[in-house]
Amino acid sequence: MSSVIVLAPLIIGGWPVITAAVTAAIGTMGFSIATAGANDQRSHAANRAEIEVEESEIIPNQSGIEQTLVVERNGIRATFSRDARGALKVCMEGVGVSKAELKRVGEELLGGVTQQYAYHRIVSELKERNMTIVDEEVQADRSVKIRVRNF
């Protein structure tokens, strides 16, 4: 017997969980963590696009310190943060890059982050339920197929 499950994840977790998903996604998408101190060297001429992740909630840190994660690729900077309502958002910036292109790159990046978050949640749940992953396959469209055996 087999089943096919298509997931539309809700991203709910603490900042460390979100950071892990971002870090896993950027490695495969050509982004890298921005170096400290490089943050203020951006020109005021940089275009900006903000994208909020629907169905997301970052559980607030008890210390109340604002947390952000900044990544870069080819002159485009993405800043992940928690907005006032607790939702995950990303602010894209780039000099000489249109707002439409920034939004496209940001949505692609968020798609990768969402996929990594969902993948790690699924694998964790499977392990907790003592299920065995028999096979994993990444398709050309970057979708992931996981075959599981339940004993």
C-alpha atoms as a PDB file:
ATOM      1  CA  MET A   1       0.000   0.000   0.000  1.00  0.00           C
ATOM      2  CA  SER A   2       1.278   3.481  -0.776  1.00  0.00           C
ATOM      3  CA  SER A   3       0.120   7.033  -0.209  1.00  0.00           C
ATOM      4  CA  VAL A   4       1.003  10.412  -1.618  1.00  0.00           C
ATOM      5  CA  ILE A   5       0.968  13.395   0.706  1.00  0.00           C
ATOM      6  CA  VAL A   6       1.346  16.983  -0.460  1.00  0.00           C
ATOM      7  CA  LEU A   7       2.202  19.441   2.303  1.00  0.00           C
ATOM      8  CA  ALA A   8       1.479  23.134   2.690  1.00  0.00           C
ATOM      9  CA  PRO A   9       3.542  23.879   5.794  1.00  0.00           C
ATOM     10  CA  LEU A  10       2.810  26.346   8.509  1.00  0.00           C
ATOM     11  CA  ILE A  11       6.076  27.752   9.734  1.00  0.00           C
ATOM     12  CA  ILE A  12       5.863  27.943  13.506  1.00  0.00           C
ATOM     13  CA  GLY A  13       8.946  27.720  15.644  1.00  0.00           C
ATOM     14  CA  GLY A  14      11.556  29.536  17.636  1.00  0.00           C
ATOM     15  CA  TRP A  15      14.325  31.577  16.059  1.00  0.00           C
ATOM     16  CA  PRO A  16      16.867  28.699  16.187  1.00  0.00           C
ATOM     17  CA  VAL A  17      14.523  26.512  14.083  1.00  0.00           C
ATOM     18  CA  ILE A  18      14.038  29.299  11.534  1.00  0.00           C
ATOM     19  CA  THR A  19      17.783  29.991  11.441  1.00  0.00           C
ATOM     20  CA  ALA A  20      18.494  26.305  10.761  1.00  0.00           C
ATOM     21  CA  ALA A  21      16.020  26.275   7.849  1.00  0.00           C
ATOM     22  CA  VAL A  22      17.511  29.473   6.379  1.00  0.00           C
ATOM     23  CA  THR A  23      21.061  28.149   6.747  1.00  0.00           C
ATOM     24  CA  ALA A  24      20.157  24.848   5.052  1.00  0.00           C
ATOM     25  CA  ALA A  25      18.390  26.610   2.171  1.00  0.00           C
ATOM     26  CA  ILE A  26      21.046  29.224   1.418  1.00  0.00           C
ATOM     27  CA  GLY A  27      23.750  26.618   0.994  1.00  0.00           C
ATOM     28  CA  THR A  28      21.983  25.142  -2.025  1.00  0.00           C
ATOM     29  CA  MET A  29      20.963  28.499  -3.508  1.00  0.00           C
ATOM     30  CA  GLY A  30      24.319  30.277  -3.695  1.00  0.00           C
ATOM     31  CA  PHE A  31      23.730  32.643  -0.755  1.00  0.00           C
ATOM     32  CA  SER A  32      26.095  33.021   2.176  1.00  0.00           C
ATOM     33  CA  ILE A  33      25.833  34.563   5.628  1.00  0.00           C
ATOM     34  CA  ALA A  34      26.737  38.254   5.471  1.00  0.00           C
ATOM     35  CA  THR A  35      29.858  39.221   7.351  1.00  0.00           C
ATOM     36  CA  ALA A  36      29.517  41.420  10.412  1.00  0.00           C
ATOM     37  CA  GLY A  37      30.204  45.081   9.784  1.00  0.00           C
ATOM     38  CA  ALA A  38      29.287  44.957   6.096  1.00  0.00           C
ATOM     39  CA  ASN A  39      25.696  45.883   6.916  1.00  0.00           C
ATOM     40  CA  ASP A  40      26.076  49.684   6.834  1.00  0.00           C
ATOM     41  CA  GLN A  41      28.089  49.930   3.629  1.00  0.00           C
ATOM     42  CA  ARG A  42      24.975  49.778   1.402  1.00  0.00           C
ATOM     43  CA  SER A  43      24.173  52.784  -0.769  1.00  0.00           C
ATOM     44  CA  HIS A  44      20.973  54.715  -0.124  1.00  0.00           C
ATOM     45  CA  ALA A  45      20.186  54.042  -3.795  1.00  0.00           C
ATOM     46  CA  ALA A  46      19.480  50.376  -3.077  1.00  0.00           C
ATOM     47  CA  ASN A  47      16.029  49.148  -4.038  1.00  0.00           C
ATOM     48  CA  ARG A  48      14.063  47.300  -1.360  1.00  0.00           C
ATOM     49  CA  ALA A  49      11.291  44.730  -1.389  1.00  0.00           C
ATOM     50  CA  GLU A  50       9.706  43.235   1.720  1.00  0.00           C
ATOM     51  CA  ILE A  51       8.018  39.849   1.698  1.00  0.00           C
ATOM     52  CA  GLU A  52       6.025  38.411   4.588  1.00  0.00           C
ATOM     53  CA  VAL A  53       5.626  34.661   4.879  1.00  0.00           C
ATOM     54  CA  GLU A  54       1.943  33.845   5.241  1.00  0.00           C
ATOM     55  CA  GLU A  55       1.051  31.198   7.810  1.00  0.00           C
ATOM     56  CA  SER A  56       4.232  31.776   9.779  1.00  0.00           C
ATOM     57  CA  GLU A  57       4.860  32.567  13.395  1.00  0.00           C
ATOM     58  CA  ILE A  58       8.169  32.885  15.165  1.00  0.00           C
ATOM     59  CA  ILE A  59       7.796  32.162  18.823  1.00  0.00           C
ATOM     60  CA  PRO A  60       9.262  35.148  20.672  1.00  0.00           C
ATOM     61  CA  ASN A  61      12.570  34.794  22.421  1.00  0.00           C
ATOM     62  CA  GLN A  62      12.258  35.191  26.170  1.00  0.00           C
ATOM     63  CA  SER A  63      15.079  37.722  26.221  1.00  0.00           C
ATOM     64  CA  GLY A  64      13.133  40.081  23.922  1.00  0.00           C
ATOM     65  CA  ILE A  65      16.167  40.795  21.756  1.00  0.00           C
ATOM     66  CA  GLU A  66      15.358  41.425  18.098  1.00  0.00           C
ATOM     67  CA  GLN A  67      16.853  38.724  15.971  1.00  0.00           C
ATOM     68  CA  THR A  68      17.801  38.927  12.317  1.00  0.00           C
ATOM     69  CA  LEU A  69      19.800  36.853   9.889  1.00  0.00           C
ATOM     70  CA  VAL A  70      21.417  38.510   6.859  1.00  0.00           C
ATOM     71  CA  VAL A  71      22.489  36.595   3.755  1.00  0.00           C
ATOM     72  CA  GLU A  72      23.958  37.771   0.444  1.00  0.00           C
ATOM     73  CA  ARG A  73      24.403  36.646  -3.147  1.00  0.00           C
ATOM     74  CA  ASN A  74      25.736  38.685  -6.079  1.00  0.00           C
ATOM     75  CA  GLY A  75      25.065  42.091  -4.506  1.00  0.00           C
ATOM     76  CA  ILE A  76      21.598  41.144  -3.254  1.00  0.00           C
ATOM     77  CA  ARG A  77      21.102  41.132   0.502  1.00  0.00           C
ATOM     78  CA  ALA A  78      18.252  39.340   2.273  1.00  0.00           C
ATOM     79  CA  THR A  79      17.456  40.120   5.905  1.00  0.00           C
ATOM     80  CA  PHE A  80      15.252  37.594   7.696  1.00  0.00           C
ATOM     81  CA  SER A  81      13.440  38.863  10.781  1.00  0.00           C
ATOM     82  CA  ARG A  82      10.325  38.634  12.921  1.00  0.00           C
ATOM     83  CA  ASP A  83       7.787  41.406  12.410  1.00  0.00           C
ATOM     84  CA  ALA A  84       5.678  43.027  15.176  1.00  0.00           C
ATOM     85  CA  ARG A  85       2.965  40.362  14.802  1.00  0.00           C
ATOM     86  CA  GLY A  86       5.471  37.528  15.054  1.00  0.00           C
ATOM     87  CA  ALA A  87       5.468  36.570  11.366  1.00  0.00           C
ATOM     88  CA  LEU A  88       8.621  35.717   9.428  1.00  0.00           C
ATOM     89  CA  LYS A  89       9.545  38.339   6.850  1.00  0.00           C
ATOM     90  CA  VAL A  90      12.447  38.984   4.539  1.00  0.00           C
ATOM     91  CA  CYS A  91      13.663  42.353   3.307  1.00  0.00           C
ATOM     92  CA  MET A  92      15.508  42.178   0.000  1.00  0.00           C
ATOM     93  CA  GLU A  93      17.968  44.929  -0.988  1.00  0.00           C
ATOM     94  CA  GLY A  94      20.129  45.467  -4.025  1.00  0.00           C
ATOM     95  CA  VAL A  95      21.792  48.318  -5.906  1.00  0.00           C
ATOM     96  CA  GLY A  96      20.990  48.258  -9.604  1.00  0.00           C
ATOM     97  CA  VAL A  97      18.377  45.526  -9.143  1.00  0.00           C
ATOM     98  CA  SER A  98      14.691  46.201  -9.807  1.00  0.00           C
ATOM     99  CA  LYS A  99      12.086  45.728  -7.088  1.00  0.00           C
ATOM    100  CA  ALA A 100      10.429  43.054  -9.237  1.00  0.00           C
ATOM    101  CA  GLU A 101      13.701  41.111  -9.464  1.00  0.00           C
ATOM    102  CA  LEU A 102      14.298  41.503  -5.719  1.00  0.00           C
ATOM    103  CA  LYS A 103      10.813  40.167  -5.022  1.00  0.00           C
ATOM    104  CA  ARG A 104      11.355  37.222  -7.401  1.00  0.00           C
ATOM    105  CA  VAL A 105      14.671  36.306  -5.760  1.00  0.00           C
ATOM    106  CA  GLY A 106      13.141  36.761  -2.296  1.00  0.00           C
ATOM    107  CA  GLU A 107      10.204  34.499  -3.082  1.00  0.00           C
ATOM    108  CA  GLU A 108      12.561  31.871  -4.498  1.00  0.00           C
ATOM    109  CA  LEU A 109      14.672  32.093  -1.345  1.00  0.00           C
ATOM    110  CA  LEU A 110      11.613  31.838   0.906  1.00  0.00           C
ATOM    111  CA  GLY A 111      10.435  28.832  -1.084  1.00  0.00           C
ATOM    112  CA  GLY A 112      13.740  27.114  -0.315  1.00  0.00           C
ATOM    113  CA  VAL A 113      13.514  28.047   3.370  1.00  0.00           C
ATOM    114  CA  THR A 114       9.929  26.762   3.585  1.00  0.00           C
ATOM    115  CA  GLN A 115      10.921  23.516   1.884  1.00  0.00           C
ATOM    116  CA  GLN A 116      13.862  22.984   4.268  1.00  0.00           C
ATOM    117  CA  TYR A 117      11.651  23.728   7.272  1.00  0.00           C
ATOM    118  CA  ALA A 118       9.000  21.253   6.090  1.00  0.00           C
ATOM    119  CA  TYR A 119      11.599  18.594   5.231  1.00  0.00           C
ATOM    120  CA  HIS A 120      13.235  18.737   8.665  1.00  0.00           C
ATOM    121  CA  ARG A 121       9.864  18.709  10.437  1.00  0.00           C
ATOM    122  CA  ILE A 122       8.751  15.652   8.452  1.00  0.00           C
ATOM    123  CA  VAL A 123      12.004  13.744   9.037  1.00  0.00           C
ATOM    124  CA  SER A 124      11.865  14.546  12.763  1.00  0.00           C
ATOM    125  CA  GLU A 125       8.247  13.378  13.021  1.00  0.00           C
ATOM    126  CA  LEU A 126       9.026  10.173  11.140  1.00  0.00           C
ATOM    127  CA  LYS A 127      11.889   9.375  13.524  1.00  0.00           C
ATOM    128  CA  GLU A 128       9.697  10.093  16.560  1.00  0.00           C
ATOM    129  CA  ARG A 129       7.123   7.629  15.203  1.00  0.00           C
ATOM    130  CA  ASN A 130       9.792   4.974  14.560  1.00  0.00           C
ATOM    131  CA  MET A 131       9.267   5.024  10.801  1.00  0.00           C
ATOM    132  CA  THR A 132      12.105   4.237   8.421  1.00  0.00           C
ATOM    133  CA  ILE A 133      12.960   6.362   5.392  1.00  0.00           C
ATOM    134  CA  VAL A 134      13.516   3.885   2.577  1.00  0.00           C
ATOM    135  CA  ASP A 135      14.375   6.318  -0.210  1.00  0.00           C
ATOM    136  CA  GLU A 136      14.603  10.051  -0.895  1.00  0.00           C
ATOM    137  CA  GLU A 137      14.646  11.615  -4.331  1.00  0.00           C
ATOM    138  CA  VAL A 138      14.932  15.267  -5.370  1.00  0.00           C
ATOM    139  CA  GLN A 139      13.066  15.926  -8.623  1.00  0.00           C
ATOM    140  CA  ALA A 140      14.137  18.341 -11.376  1.00  0.00           C
ATOM    141  CA  ASP A 141      11.595  20.889 -10.068  1.00  0.00           C
ATOM    142  CA  ARG A 142      13.250  20.588  -6.608  1.00  0.00           C
ATOM    143  CA  SER A 143      10.294  18.740  -5.097  1.00  0.00           C
ATOM    144  CA  VAL A 144      11.299  15.937  -2.745  1.00  0.00           C
ATOM    145  CA  LYS A 145       9.872  12.425  -2.697  1.00  0.00           C
ATOM    146  CA  ILE A 146      10.355  10.425   0.490  1.00  0.00           C
ATOM    147  CA  ARG A 147       9.479   6.728   0.676  1.00  0.00           C
ATOM    148  CA  VAL A 148       8.736   5.547   4.209  1.00  0.00           C
ATOM    149  CA  ARG A 149       8.232   2.141   5.771  1.00  0.00           C
ATOM    150  CA  ASN A 150       6.171   1.761   8.921  1.00  0.00           C
ATOM    151  CA  PHE A 151       6.913  -1.430  10.839  1.00  0.00           C
END
